[in-house]
Protein backbone atom coordinates (compact mmCIF):
# COMPACT_ATOMS: atom_id res chain seq x y z
CA GLN A 1 147.58 278.37 171.19
CA VAL A 2 147.31 274.86 170.44
CA GLN A 3 149.76 272.60 169.42
CA LEU A 4 150.34 268.99 168.43
CA VAL A 5 154.28 268.21 167.75
CA GLU A 6 154.69 265.04 166.70
CA SER A 7 158.27 263.66 167.24
CA GLY A 8 160.12 260.09 167.21
CA GLY A 9 161.02 259.65 163.00
CA GLY A 10 163.53 259.03 160.78
CA LEU A 11 165.08 256.57 158.84
CA VAL A 12 165.31 252.88 159.68
CA GLN A 13 165.96 249.53 158.10
CA PRO A 14 163.54 246.93 157.30
CA GLY A 15 162.74 244.62 160.39
CA GLY A 16 163.26 247.88 162.93
CA SER A 17 161.33 249.83 164.93
CA LEU A 18 160.84 253.65 166.17
CA ARG A 19 158.48 255.13 168.69
CA LEU A 20 156.47 258.08 167.63
CA SER A 21 155.62 260.71 170.20
CA CYS A 22 152.39 263.74 169.66
CA ALA A 23 152.74 265.60 172.55
CA ALA A 24 149.56 268.18 173.28
CA SER A 25 149.70 271.62 174.66
CA GLY A 26 146.62 273.78 174.84
CA ILE A 27 143.81 271.34 174.91
CA PHE A 28 142.17 269.44 178.06
CA PHE A 29 144.13 266.66 176.78
CA SER A 30 142.30 263.76 178.40
CA ILE A 31 139.17 264.37 176.80
CA TYR A 32 139.88 264.00 173.49
CA VAL A 33 140.88 261.29 170.80
CA ILE A 34 143.98 261.46 169.44
CA ASP A 35 144.58 259.08 166.05
CA TRP A 36 148.18 258.40 164.39
CA TYR A 37 147.33 258.94 160.37
CA ARG A 38 150.17 258.81 157.60
CA GLN A 39 150.43 259.68 154.52
CA ALA A 40 152.67 257.64 151.20
CA PRO A 41 154.22 259.90 148.44
CA GLY A 42 151.23 260.09 145.81
CA LYS A 43 148.61 258.29 148.55
CA GLN A 44 145.65 259.71 150.62
CA ARG A 45 146.30 260.42 154.54
CA GLU A 46 144.67 256.93 156.12
CA LEU A 47 144.52 256.04 159.55
CA VAL A 48 146.74 254.21 161.15
CA ALA A 49 145.89 253.55 165.16
CA THR A 50 143.37 255.63 167.24
CA SER A 51 143.29 256.04 170.77
CA GLY A 52 139.13 256.21 170.60
CA GLY A 53 137.46 253.56 172.72
CA SER A 54 140.16 250.58 172.98
CA THR A 55 142.99 251.88 171.43
CA ASN A 56 142.67 250.27 167.72
CA SER A 57 144.81 249.75 164.70
CA ALA A 58 144.66 249.66 160.82
CA ASP A 59 144.87 245.66 159.43
CA SER A 60 148.42 246.47 157.77
CA VAL A 61 150.12 247.38 160.56
CA LYS A 62 148.16 244.94 163.50
CA GLY A 63 150.39 243.00 165.53
CA ARG A 64 153.87 245.50 164.60
CA PHE A 65 152.38 248.55 166.03
CA THR A 66 150.93 250.30 169.06
CA ILE A 67 149.57 253.29 169.82
CA SER A 68 149.24 254.22 173.86
CA ARG A 69 148.72 257.25 175.96
CA ASP A 70 150.23 259.67 178.78
CA ASN A 71 147.64 261.30 179.78
CA ALA A 72 150.00 262.88 182.53
CA LYS A 73 151.87 263.70 180.00
CA ASN A 74 149.97 264.80 177.24
CA THR A 75 151.63 262.87 174.92
CA VAL A 76 150.56 259.87 172.99
CA TYR A 77 152.43 257.57 171.01
CA LEU A 78 153.10 255.28 168.36
CA GLN A 79 155.19 252.05 168.81
CA MET A 80 155.98 250.72 165.52
CA ASN A 81 158.27 246.84 165.40
CA GLY A 82 158.72 245.49 162.35
CA LEU A 83 158.87 247.99 159.80
CA LYS A 84 158.83 247.14 156.04
CA PRO A 85 159.63 249.48 153.46
CA GLU A 86 155.46 250.06 152.76
CA ASP A 87 155.37 252.09 156.15
CA THR A 88 157.54 254.82 154.44
CA ALA A 89 155.19 257.90 154.58
CA VAL A 90 154.63 261.47 156.92
CA TYR A 91 153.28 259.91 160.09
CA PHE A 92 150.76 262.83 161.98
CA CYS A 93 148.61 263.02 164.65
CA ASN A 94 145.42 263.99 165.02
CA ALA A 95 143.11 265.40 168.29
CA HIS A 96 139.33 264.75 167.78
CA VAL A 97 136.31 265.70 170.44
CA GLY A 98 133.04 266.84 168.62
CA VAL A 99 133.40 268.87 166.22
CA THR A 100 136.72 270.25 167.52
CA ASN A 101 139.83 268.86 165.12
CA TYR A 102 143.22 269.71 165.07
CA TRP A 103 146.60 268.27 163.98
CA GLY A 104 150.72 268.12 163.88
CA GLN A 105 152.75 268.92 161.31
CA GLY A 106 153.94 266.02 161.05
CA THR A 107 157.31 263.58 161.18
CA GLN A 108 158.60 261.90 158.03
CA VAL A 109 159.23 257.84 158.69
CA THR A 110 161.33 256.12 156.35
CA VAL A 111 162.08 252.80 155.58
CA SER A 112 165.25 251.87 153.52
CA SER A 113 168.37 249.27 153.51
């Protein structure tokens, strides 16, 4: 059974940091591209960062968010620094290779004073 489990979300003040984790099981982890998405209330889900090819991130988070992966632990991380209220969203990880695609259940990140 394939599982992607996100963790590390929570409430943080503006300017603060969080590190999200996405732990995978049931897949041959190293061959999958793992991406982080987020979805704010009333908005479409958007790609935040990808570990595909060279790791990359959306313009809105460049210089603040960093994606990394540890294949030995079957885990991908999203280090988020300099958080802003507009970063408030549910954050999801997505694992994909070819036409195979899996989603986690999401973790809530709230940036508020």
